[in-house]
Amino acid sequence: MLSALLSAVGLFWIGRAFRVDGKLRFGNPPLSLPSEGGLALDAEPRQVRAEITRVQGDPGVRPGDHCEFLIERRARQGESAYCNAQVVCGDRLLYGGPDRGYFACKVYDDDDHAVVGSDPNTTSGDHDAAIHLNTRQGIMRIWDDEHGPRGQFLLEAEILSVQ
């Protein structure tokens, strides 16, 4: 009985992960937005790989662990856009979650497939950790406060590749 109840709760939370902007979404539907000023306005996700170089606190990862995640650019009303990422490092979700992981960004349509953006709000502000990502400089920082699921922490990582 308890197992069935826990399974139902788990399925509920998994199902919520497929709701984006109030709509049920599966996969990555293509957007047909024009390119503007060197910025990519398409929905082609960028695949990022990074290696953790520094950790403070105990988020369940250590230096040398790898991070892999997709960055998806999503349109807002008007011509602005934002990005979504579910950053997993060493098999631990450190940024994002159901209905989380959104940050202001610029996705460049260049040979480096660069992405630059940040979400300065920690869990107490917007229910997920904070992130600063600059693939042009090869850096990523993720941090959270004591209200986050992994407690207060800071990690820095070197970007290894963006595709």
Protein backbone atom coordinates (compact mmCIF):
# COMPACT_ATOMS: atom_id res chain seq x y z
CA MET A 1 0.00 0.00 0.00
CA LEU A 2 2.77 2.44 0.94
CA SER A 3 4.71 1.43 -2.15
CA ALA A 4 1.73 2.19 -4.40
CA LEU A 5 1.28 5.58 -2.77
CA LEU A 6 4.96 6.46 -3.21
CA SER A 7 4.82 5.30 -6.84
CA ALA A 8 1.81 7.53 -7.51
CA VAL A 9 3.56 10.53 -5.96
CA GLY A 10 6.68 9.81 -8.02
CA LEU A 11 4.68 9.56 -11.25
CA PHE A 12 2.99 12.85 -10.43
CA TRP A 13 6.39 14.61 -10.10
CA ILE A 14 7.74 12.98 -13.25
CA GLY A 15 4.64 14.10 -15.15
CA ARG A 16 5.14 17.68 -13.94
CA ALA A 17 8.57 17.70 -15.58
CA PHE A 18 6.84 17.52 -18.99
CA ARG A 19 4.80 20.70 -18.37
CA VAL A 20 6.45 23.73 -19.92
CA ASP A 21 4.80 27.15 -20.03
CA GLY A 22 1.55 25.51 -18.88
CA LYS A 23 1.50 23.02 -21.76
CA LEU A 24 2.32 19.32 -21.88
CA ARG A 25 5.53 18.87 -23.91
CA PHE A 26 7.41 15.80 -25.07
CA GLY A 27 10.81 16.09 -26.73
CA ASN A 28 12.14 19.33 -28.13
CA PRO A 29 9.75 20.81 -30.69
CA PRO A 30 11.57 23.04 -33.19
CA LEU A 31 11.02 26.79 -33.10
CA SER A 32 11.26 28.75 -36.32
CA LEU A 33 12.62 32.07 -35.11
CA PRO A 34 14.99 34.15 -37.25
CA SER A 35 18.61 34.68 -36.31
CA GLU A 36 19.36 38.18 -35.12
CA GLY A 37 22.65 39.97 -34.42
CA GLY A 38 24.72 36.77 -34.23
CA LEU A 39 22.42 35.27 -31.60
CA ALA A 40 20.89 31.90 -32.34
CA LEU A 41 17.12 32.07 -31.91
CA ASP A 42 16.49 28.46 -32.79
CA ALA A 43 15.64 25.70 -30.34
CA GLU A 44 18.62 23.51 -31.22
CA PRO A 45 19.84 22.39 -27.79
CA ARG A 46 23.48 22.77 -26.88
CA GLN A 47 25.17 19.84 -25.17
CA VAL A 48 27.64 20.94 -22.48
CA ARG A 49 30.31 18.88 -20.73
CA ALA A 50 32.26 20.23 -17.77
CA GLU A 51 34.62 19.05 -15.05
CA ILE A 52 34.26 20.21 -11.45
CA THR A 53 37.37 22.03 -10.25
CA ARG A 54 36.28 23.32 -6.83
CA VAL A 55 33.58 22.46 -4.27
CA GLN A 56 32.54 24.13 -1.01
CA GLY A 57 29.88 22.51 1.15
CA ASP A 58 28.60 19.00 0.47
CA PRO A 59 26.41 18.83 -2.64
CA GLY A 60 27.36 15.18 -3.20
CA VAL A 61 30.07 15.81 -5.81
CA ARG A 62 33.82 16.43 -5.68
CA PRO A 63 36.53 17.91 -7.89
CA GLY A 64 37.13 15.72 -10.94
CA ASP A 65 33.46 14.71 -11.30
CA HIS A 66 31.92 15.49 -14.68
CA CYS A 67 28.77 17.42 -15.54
CA GLU A 68 26.69 16.82 -18.65
CA PHE A 69 23.56 18.69 -19.64
CA LEU A 70 21.56 20.22 -22.47
CA ILE A 71 20.74 23.90 -22.76
CA GLU A 72 17.51 24.65 -24.54
CA ARG A 73 16.62 28.13 -25.72
CA ARG A 74 12.93 28.95 -25.33
CA ALA A 75 11.06 31.93 -26.70
CA ARG A 76 9.13 34.34 -24.50
CA GLN A 77 6.42 36.71 -25.58
CA GLY A 78 7.87 39.30 -27.90
CA GLU A 79 11.37 38.68 -29.20
CA SER A 80 13.17 37.82 -25.96
CA ALA A 81 14.17 34.32 -24.92
CA TYR A 82 15.49 32.37 -21.98
CA CYS A 83 17.33 29.08 -21.48
CA ASN A 84 16.54 25.93 -19.56
CA ALA A 85 19.12 23.49 -18.23
CA GLN A 86 18.99 20.46 -15.95
CA VAL A 87 22.61 20.36 -14.77
CA VAL A 88 23.67 16.90 -13.64
CA CYS A 89 27.11 16.42 -12.14
CA GLY A 90 28.31 13.04 -10.88
CA ASP A 91 24.74 11.64 -11.19
CA ARG A 92 23.34 14.47 -9.00
CA LEU A 93 20.91 17.12 -10.22
CA LEU A 94 22.51 20.37 -9.00
CA TYR A 95 20.56 22.96 -11.00
CA GLY A 96 17.02 22.70 -12.30
CA GLY A 97 14.25 20.25 -11.52
CA PRO A 98 10.56 20.02 -12.42
CA ASP A 99 9.45 23.45 -13.65
CA ARG A 100 12.88 24.82 -12.70
CA GLY A 101 16.24 25.54 -14.35
CA TYR A 102 15.34 28.69 -16.29
CA PHE A 103 17.84 31.53 -16.69
CA ALA A 104 18.46 34.62 -18.80
CA CYS A 105 20.90 33.78 -21.59
CA LYS A 106 22.42 34.50 -24.96
CA VAL A 107 23.00 31.57 -27.30
CA TYR A 108 25.47 32.46 -30.04
CA ASP A 109 25.40 31.06 -33.54
CA ASP A 110 29.17 30.75 -33.87
CA ASP A 111 31.75 28.00 -34.23
CA ASP A 112 32.04 27.71 -30.46
CA HIS A 113 28.25 27.24 -29.95
CA ALA A 114 28.68 29.70 -27.06
CA VAL A 115 26.12 30.18 -24.28
CA VAL A 116 26.35 32.98 -21.72
CA GLY A 117 23.81 33.43 -18.96
CA SER A 118 22.94 33.42 -15.31
CA ASP A 119 20.27 32.92 -12.67
CA PRO A 120 21.45 34.75 -9.53
CA ASN A 121 18.58 33.52 -7.32
CA THR A 122 19.09 30.59 -4.95
CA THR A 123 16.40 28.23 -3.64
CA SER A 124 14.98 30.75 -1.18
CA GLY A 125 14.38 33.13 -4.13
CA ASP A 126 13.14 30.90 -6.95
CA HIS A 127 13.11 27.26 -5.74
CA ASP A 128 16.31 26.12 -7.44
CA ALA A 129 20.03 26.81 -7.15
CA ALA A 130 21.77 29.76 -8.81
CA ILE A 131 24.01 29.45 -11.88
CA HIS A 132 26.51 31.50 -13.85
CA LEU A 133 27.53 29.97 -17.18
CA ASN A 134 29.94 31.44 -19.70
CA THR A 135 31.14 28.87 -22.22
CA ARG A 136 33.19 31.56 -24.02
CA GLN A 137 35.33 31.89 -20.89
CA GLY A 138 35.03 28.18 -20.09
CA ILE A 139 33.44 28.59 -16.65
CA MET A 140 30.36 27.46 -14.76
CA ARG A 141 29.45 28.22 -11.16
CA ILE A 142 26.48 26.76 -9.30
CA TRP A 143 25.60 27.73 -5.74
CA ASP A 144 22.70 27.43 -3.35
CA ASP A 145 21.59 28.48 0.11
CA GLU A 146 20.70 26.38 3.15
CA HIS A 147 17.10 26.01 1.91
CA GLY A 148 18.12 23.94 -1.13
CA PRO A 149 17.87 20.14 -1.23
CA ARG A 150 21.69 19.84 -1.00
CA GLY A 151 22.15 22.60 1.56
CA GLN A 152 24.48 25.53 1.12
CA PHE A 153 27.20 24.89 -1.46
CA LEU A 154 29.32 26.38 -4.22
CA LEU A 155 30.93 24.57 -7.11
CA GLU A 156 33.06 25.76 -9.97
CA ALA A 157 33.63 23.82 -13.16
CA GLU A 158 35.69 24.13 -16.32
CA ILE A 159 33.74 23.79 -19.55
CA LEU A 160 35.23 20.95 -21.60
CA SER A 161 32.99 21.10 -24.67
CA VAL A 162 29.86 22.64 -26.14
CA GLN A 163 28.15 21.06 -29.14
